[in-house]
Every structure is written in structure tokens, then in C-alpha cells.
Amino acid sequence: MHQTTLSQNLLGLRKAEAIYDRVVQLSDLIFRDEALVNKQEHLQELTFLLQGVKGTDTILTIFNHRTYLPELQVGQEEFWGLLPNETKDERMKNVLSILHKDYAAFPYESVNWLADIFPKIPYEDRLNMKVHHCCMRFIRADDKQIRLFSQGVPVQVDENRNFRYTLNYIQNIQHLIKKDFTSYWIRISYGQNSELVQTFHSGSKDSSKRDLLSTREKEVLLLIAEDLDTKEIAQRLFISVNTVGNHRSNMIDRLGARDTTALVQLAKMTGMI
């Protein structure tokens, strides 16, 4: 039994290393090589920020977009659980080794998408950027399930407003996601008032400048968040009760939310409502 587990772990590490090497190649297409300035100050800030959310389900990290490595991290041991003894360069490979097979394409697929869309964003629109990744599933050595939610904001950019480093807030949202949801999605917001978006959904391989939720769906969801029931929402929006129900079901299915309460929380966490 022990030998089987060991073989499985070694196989997972080899796959993770191959995925990681490909991600590094892709990241070089878009990101620049610059040193992180004020490193100690950033570490102190991260440590301070994490005190408000300290626990086993949150990490704060500064991520280097040239090396595709976390430059600084706080809370990673509690979050990922027991991983092999490692250097900083090995951490991402070890983390990828516990990525569930349903999400094996996530690392290079997501970086490839970012490398494709980011150069097409005009310089003047590269403001107030936030990058959200959601739903990727990991299984720790102790069998604890992790559903990853990450919000990244740039803390250092180059002269063309390409990311050098991002500050990432990473959270386990296992309690918000359906157990059988096998997709992930990414949402980037940017612009003067964060009014512009680009999205990717792995279930449909859909890349779009439209949001993950339509304008009408957001209207319905805002009223749900105000605690209106289905009949009240239908009356407010002059639509049928069945239409309200269809909108709710479609939103839950698309975002992978466990229920309506989780749906509202996910939409708020990403700024969709």
C-alpha cells in the first residue's frame, strides 16, 4: 500500500514538473524580468495583512510573473498541508502535483490564455486590474479538499503596464462549490472604473469580452442578494417566475456555485455585483 502511494506521488510530481516547465515557457511570452523592490517591506505588509484572516484556508503571496514563482508567501504551510521538503523553486511543482486530474490543463491553459489576451489590452486601459481564478481542485496529503479562489492585483508593473509582480489573496472556497463541478473560470477586470472585463470558462473553452453573467442575470442576482423571493423579483423586473428560476439555475451552473447563497458570495468576491 505504501509502495503504491509512493509511486503515485512520484508520478504526480513528474507530471507537475512537466506542466510547470511549460507554464514557465508560456509566461516568458508576456512578462518582464525585473527585481522586486522593497522586498522586506512587502513581507512585513503581507504578514500584517494576514493577521486579519489568519487560519488554514488563506494565503497571501507576491507572485513573480517572469519566473512563475511566489516571491514571498505567508500562510502557505497551513494552507497546502504537508508537502515534501523543498526550495522555493520546487514549491509550485509540489503544489501542482496535488492538483486533481480534472484540472490538469489549468496551469498551462490559463497562462496561455493570459499571454494571448493581455497584449491586446490597450495601454490606456491597463488600470485598476484584478485577476480572479476560481474553482480549481486540489487534494492534500491528508485528503483535505481545496477549491482555489485567487484574486491578484499588480504591485509592480513595467513601462508598458505589464505585470512584474502581483499581490494574490488565495482562499479555499470548498464550501461554495458543487462537488461535481469539474470546470474553472477566470475573470479579469480593468479600465478607469474597472468597467472592462475579459473572461475564460474551461467548460466551454469560451474566451470573451463579455462577463460571466449577463446584465439581466446580474439584475436578478442583485435582487436575490436583497433577499427578494422569486415572485417579487419577477414582479420587479416584469418577467415570469419561470424566467427568474432559469436565470438562477444558469448562473449556479456556470459559476459552479453550491447554492444561491454561494452564488451571491462568488459574484460579490469577483466584483460582478
Protein backbone atom coordinates (compact mmCIF):
# COMPACT_ATOMS: atom_id res chain seq x y z
CA MET A 1 0.00 0.00 0.00
CA HIS A 2 2.81 2.35 0.98
CA GLN A 3 4.71 1.50 -2.23
CA THR A 4 1.61 2.22 -4.34
CA THR A 5 1.12 5.59 -2.67
CA LEU A 6 4.80 6.43 -3.16
CA SER A 7 4.62 5.53 -6.87
CA GLN A 8 1.50 7.64 -7.30
CA ASN A 9 3.18 10.59 -5.60
CA LEU A 10 6.27 10.27 -7.82
CA LEU A 11 4.10 10.09 -10.92
CA GLY A 12 2.20 13.17 -9.79
CA LEU A 13 5.46 15.07 -9.25
CA ARG A 14 6.75 14.15 -12.72
CA LYS A 15 3.51 15.36 -14.33
CA ALA A 16 3.63 18.52 -12.25
CA GLU A 17 7.20 19.22 -13.32
CA ALA A 18 6.27 18.90 -16.99
CA ILE A 19 3.28 21.19 -16.54
CA TYR A 20 5.35 23.70 -14.59
CA ASP A 21 8.10 23.83 -17.23
CA ARG A 22 5.50 24.53 -19.91
CA VAL A 23 3.92 27.30 -17.83
CA VAL A 24 7.31 28.98 -17.40
CA GLN A 25 7.83 28.93 -21.18
CA LEU A 26 4.42 30.49 -21.76
CA SER A 27 4.88 33.14 -19.08
CA ASP A 28 8.06 34.33 -20.81
CA LEU A 29 5.92 35.40 -23.77
CA ILE A 30 4.39 38.25 -21.81
CA PHE A 31 6.17 39.09 -18.57
CA ARG A 32 9.40 41.00 -17.97
CA ASP A 33 12.40 40.27 -15.78
CA GLU A 34 12.69 42.87 -13.05
CA ALA A 35 13.70 42.72 -9.40
CA LEU A 36 11.11 43.02 -6.67
CA VAL A 37 11.83 46.29 -4.86
CA ASN A 38 11.31 46.82 -1.12
CA LYS A 39 11.12 43.06 -0.56
CA GLN A 40 11.34 43.18 3.24
CA GLU A 41 8.67 45.85 3.44
CA HIS A 42 6.34 43.73 1.31
CA LEU A 43 6.92 40.72 3.56
CA GLN A 44 6.08 42.75 6.65
CA GLU A 45 2.94 44.05 4.98
CA LEU A 46 1.82 40.56 3.96
CA THR A 47 2.36 39.26 7.48
CA PHE A 48 0.34 42.14 8.91
CA LEU A 49 -2.48 41.74 6.38
CA LEU A 50 -2.81 38.02 7.03
CA GLN A 51 -3.40 38.51 10.75
CA GLY A 52 -6.98 39.55 9.97
CA VAL A 53 -7.70 36.30 8.14
CA LYS A 54 -5.20 34.00 9.79
CA GLY A 55 -6.18 30.36 9.58
CA THR A 56 -5.69 27.27 7.49
CA ASP A 57 -7.66 28.42 4.46
CA THR A 58 -5.92 31.58 3.28
CA ILE A 59 -2.57 32.57 1.73
CA LEU A 60 -1.18 35.96 0.83
CA THR A 61 1.60 35.91 -1.74
CA ILE A 62 3.60 38.18 -4.01
CA PHE A 63 3.92 36.38 -7.32
CA ASN A 64 6.75 36.83 -9.82
CA HIS A 65 5.32 36.72 -13.35
CA ARG A 66 8.63 36.05 -15.07
CA THR A 67 9.67 33.01 -13.06
CA TYR A 68 6.09 31.91 -12.35
CA LEU A 69 7.05 31.53 -8.68
CA PRO A 70 5.81 33.05 -5.43
CA GLU A 71 8.41 35.59 -4.35
CA LEU A 72 7.01 35.97 -0.84
CA GLN A 73 4.31 33.93 0.92
CA VAL A 74 2.52 33.98 4.25
CA GLY A 75 0.33 31.10 5.42
CA GLN A 76 1.35 28.53 2.81
CA GLU A 77 2.24 25.71 5.19
CA GLU A 78 -1.17 25.73 6.86
CA PHE A 79 -2.96 26.03 3.51
CA TRP A 80 -1.26 23.30 1.47
CA GLY A 81 -0.55 20.94 4.34
CA LEU A 82 2.41 18.57 4.37
CA LEU A 83 4.50 18.85 1.20
CA PRO A 84 7.98 17.41 0.55
CA ASN A 85 10.98 19.35 1.82
CA GLU A 86 11.58 21.91 -0.84
CA THR A 87 13.28 25.02 -2.05
CA LYS A 88 11.21 27.96 -3.26
CA ASP A 89 11.74 26.81 -6.86
CA GLU A 90 10.21 23.42 -6.08
CA ARG A 91 7.07 24.69 -4.31
CA MET A 92 4.97 25.23 -7.43
CA LYS A 93 5.83 21.77 -8.74
CA ASN A 94 4.82 20.19 -5.44
CA VAL A 95 1.57 22.16 -5.36
CA LEU A 96 0.79 21.13 -8.94
CA SER A 97 1.38 17.51 -8.00
CA ILE A 98 -1.77 17.56 -5.82
CA LEU A 99 -3.93 19.21 -8.50
CA HIS A 100 -6.92 16.97 -9.28
CA LYS A 101 -6.77 15.27 -12.68
CA ASP A 102 -9.94 17.09 -13.81
CA TYR A 103 -7.88 20.30 -13.76
CA ALA A 104 -4.65 19.01 -15.29
CA ALA A 105 -4.96 21.51 -18.16
CA PHE A 106 -5.43 24.50 -15.87
CA PRO A 107 -1.80 25.66 -15.36
CA TYR A 108 -0.71 25.96 -19.00
CA GLU A 109 -4.21 26.61 -20.38
CA SER A 110 -4.72 29.62 -18.13
CA VAL A 111 -1.27 31.10 -18.72
CA ASN A 112 -1.67 30.59 -22.45
CA TRP A 113 -4.97 32.48 -22.33
CA LEU A 114 -3.47 35.34 -20.33
CA ALA A 115 -0.49 35.53 -22.69
CA ASP A 116 -2.89 35.79 -25.61
CA ILE A 117 -5.30 38.42 -24.31
CA PHE A 118 -3.06 40.69 -22.24
CA PRO A 119 -1.03 42.21 -25.12
CA LYS A 120 -4.32 43.10 -26.82
CA ILE A 121 -5.46 45.31 -23.94
CA PRO A 122 -4.65 48.94 -24.85
CA TYR A 123 -2.10 50.69 -22.66
CA GLU A 124 -4.61 53.31 -21.51
CA ASP A 125 -6.98 50.59 -20.24
CA ARG A 126 -4.39 48.78 -18.13
CA LEU A 127 -5.62 50.38 -14.92
CA ASN A 128 -7.25 49.02 -11.75
CA MET A 129 -6.62 45.46 -12.86
CA LYS A 130 -7.85 42.49 -10.88
CA VAL A 131 -7.44 38.88 -11.95
CA HIS A 132 -9.68 36.20 -10.44
CA HIS A 133 -9.19 32.45 -10.80
CA CYS A 134 -11.86 30.17 -9.39
CA CYS A 135 -12.73 26.54 -8.68
CA MET A 136 -9.50 24.58 -9.30
CA ARG A 137 -9.49 21.47 -7.11
CA PHE A 138 -6.54 20.16 -5.11
CA ILE A 139 -6.30 17.18 -2.76
CA ARG A 140 -3.85 17.47 0.12
CA ALA A 141 -1.82 14.57 1.50
CA ASP A 142 -4.34 14.31 4.37
CA ASP A 143 -7.21 14.13 1.82
CA LYS A 144 -8.48 17.60 2.65
CA GLN A 145 -10.15 19.12 -0.42
CA ILE A 146 -9.16 22.58 -1.65
CA ARG A 147 -11.15 24.61 -4.15
CA LEU A 148 -8.96 27.54 -5.03
CA PHE A 149 -10.09 31.13 -5.33
CA SER A 150 -7.42 33.71 -6.14
CA GLN A 151 -7.60 37.47 -6.51
CA GLY A 152 -4.48 39.12 -7.92
CA VAL A 153 -3.67 42.81 -8.20
CA PRO A 154 -0.41 44.20 -9.63
CA VAL A 155 2.04 45.67 -7.13
CA GLN A 156 4.71 46.38 -9.73
CA VAL A 157 4.43 46.87 -13.49
CA ASP A 158 6.86 47.84 -16.23
CA GLU A 159 6.72 50.88 -18.50
CA ASN A 160 4.12 49.14 -20.66
CA ARG A 161 1.99 48.23 -17.63
CA ASN A 162 2.83 44.54 -17.98
CA PHE A 163 2.76 42.71 -14.65
CA ARG A 164 6.06 42.23 -12.89
CA TYR A 165 4.59 41.18 -9.55
CA THR A 166 1.07 40.69 -8.27
CA LEU A 167 -0.27 40.52 -4.75
CA ASN A 168 -2.52 37.46 -4.56
CA TYR A 169 -5.15 36.70 -1.96
CA ILE A 170 -5.79 32.96 -2.15
CA GLN A 171 -8.64 31.23 -0.35
CA ASN A 172 -10.13 27.75 -0.05
CA ILE A 173 -13.78 28.01 -1.14
CA GLN A 174 -14.59 24.32 -0.96
CA HIS A 175 -17.81 25.18 0.88
CA LEU A 176 -19.03 27.35 -2.02
CA ILE A 177 -18.52 24.99 -4.99
CA LYS A 178 -20.51 21.95 -6.15
CA LYS A 179 -18.73 18.68 -5.50
CA ASP A 180 -19.19 17.53 -9.11
CA PHE A 181 -18.10 20.79 -10.76
CA THR A 182 -15.12 20.00 -13.00
CA SER A 183 -14.53 23.38 -14.67
CA TYR A 184 -12.70 26.53 -13.65
CA TRP A 185 -13.09 30.15 -14.74
CA ILE A 186 -11.00 33.30 -14.90
CA ARG A 187 -12.20 36.90 -14.83
CA ILE A 188 -10.06 39.99 -15.44
CA SER A 189 -11.48 43.44 -14.75
CA TYR A 190 -9.73 46.66 -15.73
CA GLY A 191 -10.19 50.20 -17.03
CA GLN A 192 -10.73 53.59 -15.43
CA ASN A 193 -13.66 52.30 -13.37
CA SER A 194 -12.97 48.56 -13.70
CA GLU A 195 -15.76 48.56 -16.26
CA LEU A 196 -13.99 46.32 -18.79
CA VAL A 197 -13.77 42.54 -18.44
CA GLN A 198 -12.28 39.52 -20.15
CA THR A 199 -13.33 36.03 -19.12
CA PHE A 200 -12.45 32.41 -19.76
CA HIS A 201 -14.53 29.35 -18.84
CA SER A 202 -12.84 25.97 -19.19
CA GLY A 203 -16.12 24.09 -19.51
CA SER A 204 -16.94 25.69 -22.85
CA LYS A 205 -13.38 26.89 -23.67
CA ASP A 206 -15.14 30.24 -24.09
CA SER A 207 -12.96 33.36 -24.13
CA SER A 208 -14.96 36.56 -24.19
CA LYS A 209 -15.03 40.29 -23.52
CA ARG A 210 -18.46 39.71 -22.02
CA ASP A 211 -18.83 38.98 -18.34
CA LEU A 212 -19.58 35.53 -16.98
CA LEU A 213 -23.04 36.78 -16.03
CA SER A 214 -25.29 38.77 -18.36
CA THR A 215 -26.74 42.16 -17.47
CA ARG A 216 -30.15 40.59 -16.82
CA GLU A 217 -28.64 37.83 -14.70
CA LYS A 218 -26.86 40.45 -12.59
CA GLU A 219 -30.15 42.30 -12.13
CA VAL A 220 -31.76 39.09 -10.88
CA LEU A 221 -28.80 38.31 -8.63
CA LEU A 222 -28.77 41.78 -7.07
CA LEU A 223 -32.41 41.33 -6.11
CA ILE A 224 -31.66 37.86 -4.73
CA ALA A 225 -28.91 39.50 -2.65
CA GLU A 226 -31.55 41.94 -1.36
CA ASP A 227 -33.50 38.89 -0.11
CA LEU A 228 -36.39 39.21 -2.55
CA ASP A 229 -38.14 35.95 -3.36
CA THR A 230 -38.75 34.62 -6.88
CA LYS A 231 -42.22 36.13 -7.21
CA GLU A 232 -41.04 39.55 -6.02
CA ILE A 233 -38.13 39.51 -8.46
CA ALA A 234 -40.43 38.57 -11.33
CA GLN A 235 -42.75 41.44 -10.50
CA ARG A 236 -39.88 43.92 -10.13
CA LEU A 237 -38.32 43.00 -13.50
CA PHE A 238 -41.60 42.32 -15.36
CA ILE A 239 -40.60 38.76 -16.21
CA SER A 240 -42.12 35.39 -15.40
CA VAL A 241 -41.38 33.32 -12.31
CA ASN A 242 -40.02 30.57 -14.60
CA THR A 243 -37.61 33.05 -16.21
CA VAL A 244 -36.28 34.07 -12.80
CA GLY A 245 -35.75 30.40 -11.95
CA ASN A 246 -33.98 29.76 -15.25
CA HIS A 247 -31.63 32.70 -14.67
CA ARG A 248 -30.82 31.43 -11.18
CA SER A 249 -30.13 27.89 -12.40
CA ASN A 250 -27.98 29.08 -15.31
CA MET A 251 -25.84 31.26 -13.01
CA ILE A 252 -25.35 28.46 -10.50
CA ASP A 253 -24.36 26.02 -13.26
CA ARG A 254 -21.94 28.43 -14.93
CA LEU A 255 -20.07 29.50 -11.79
CA GLY A 256 -20.24 26.09 -10.12
CA ALA A 257 -21.90 27.51 -7.00
CA ARG A 258 -23.22 25.05 -4.43
CA ASP A 259 -26.44 27.05 -3.93
CA THR A 260 -27.91 30.55 -4.29
CA THR A 261 -26.12 31.86 -1.21
CA ALA A 262 -22.78 30.68 -2.61
CA LEU A 263 -23.66 32.22 -5.97
CA VAL A 264 -24.18 35.64 -4.40
CA GLN A 265 -20.92 35.36 -2.47
CA LEU A 266 -18.88 34.37 -5.54
CA ALA A 267 -20.34 37.25 -7.56
CA LYS A 268 -19.50 39.72 -4.79
CA MET A 269 -15.98 38.34 -4.32
CA THR A 270 -15.23 38.92 -8.01
CA GLY A 271 -16.97 42.28 -8.32
CA MET A 272 -19.67 41.04 -10.69
CA ILE A 273 -22.30 42.60 -8.44
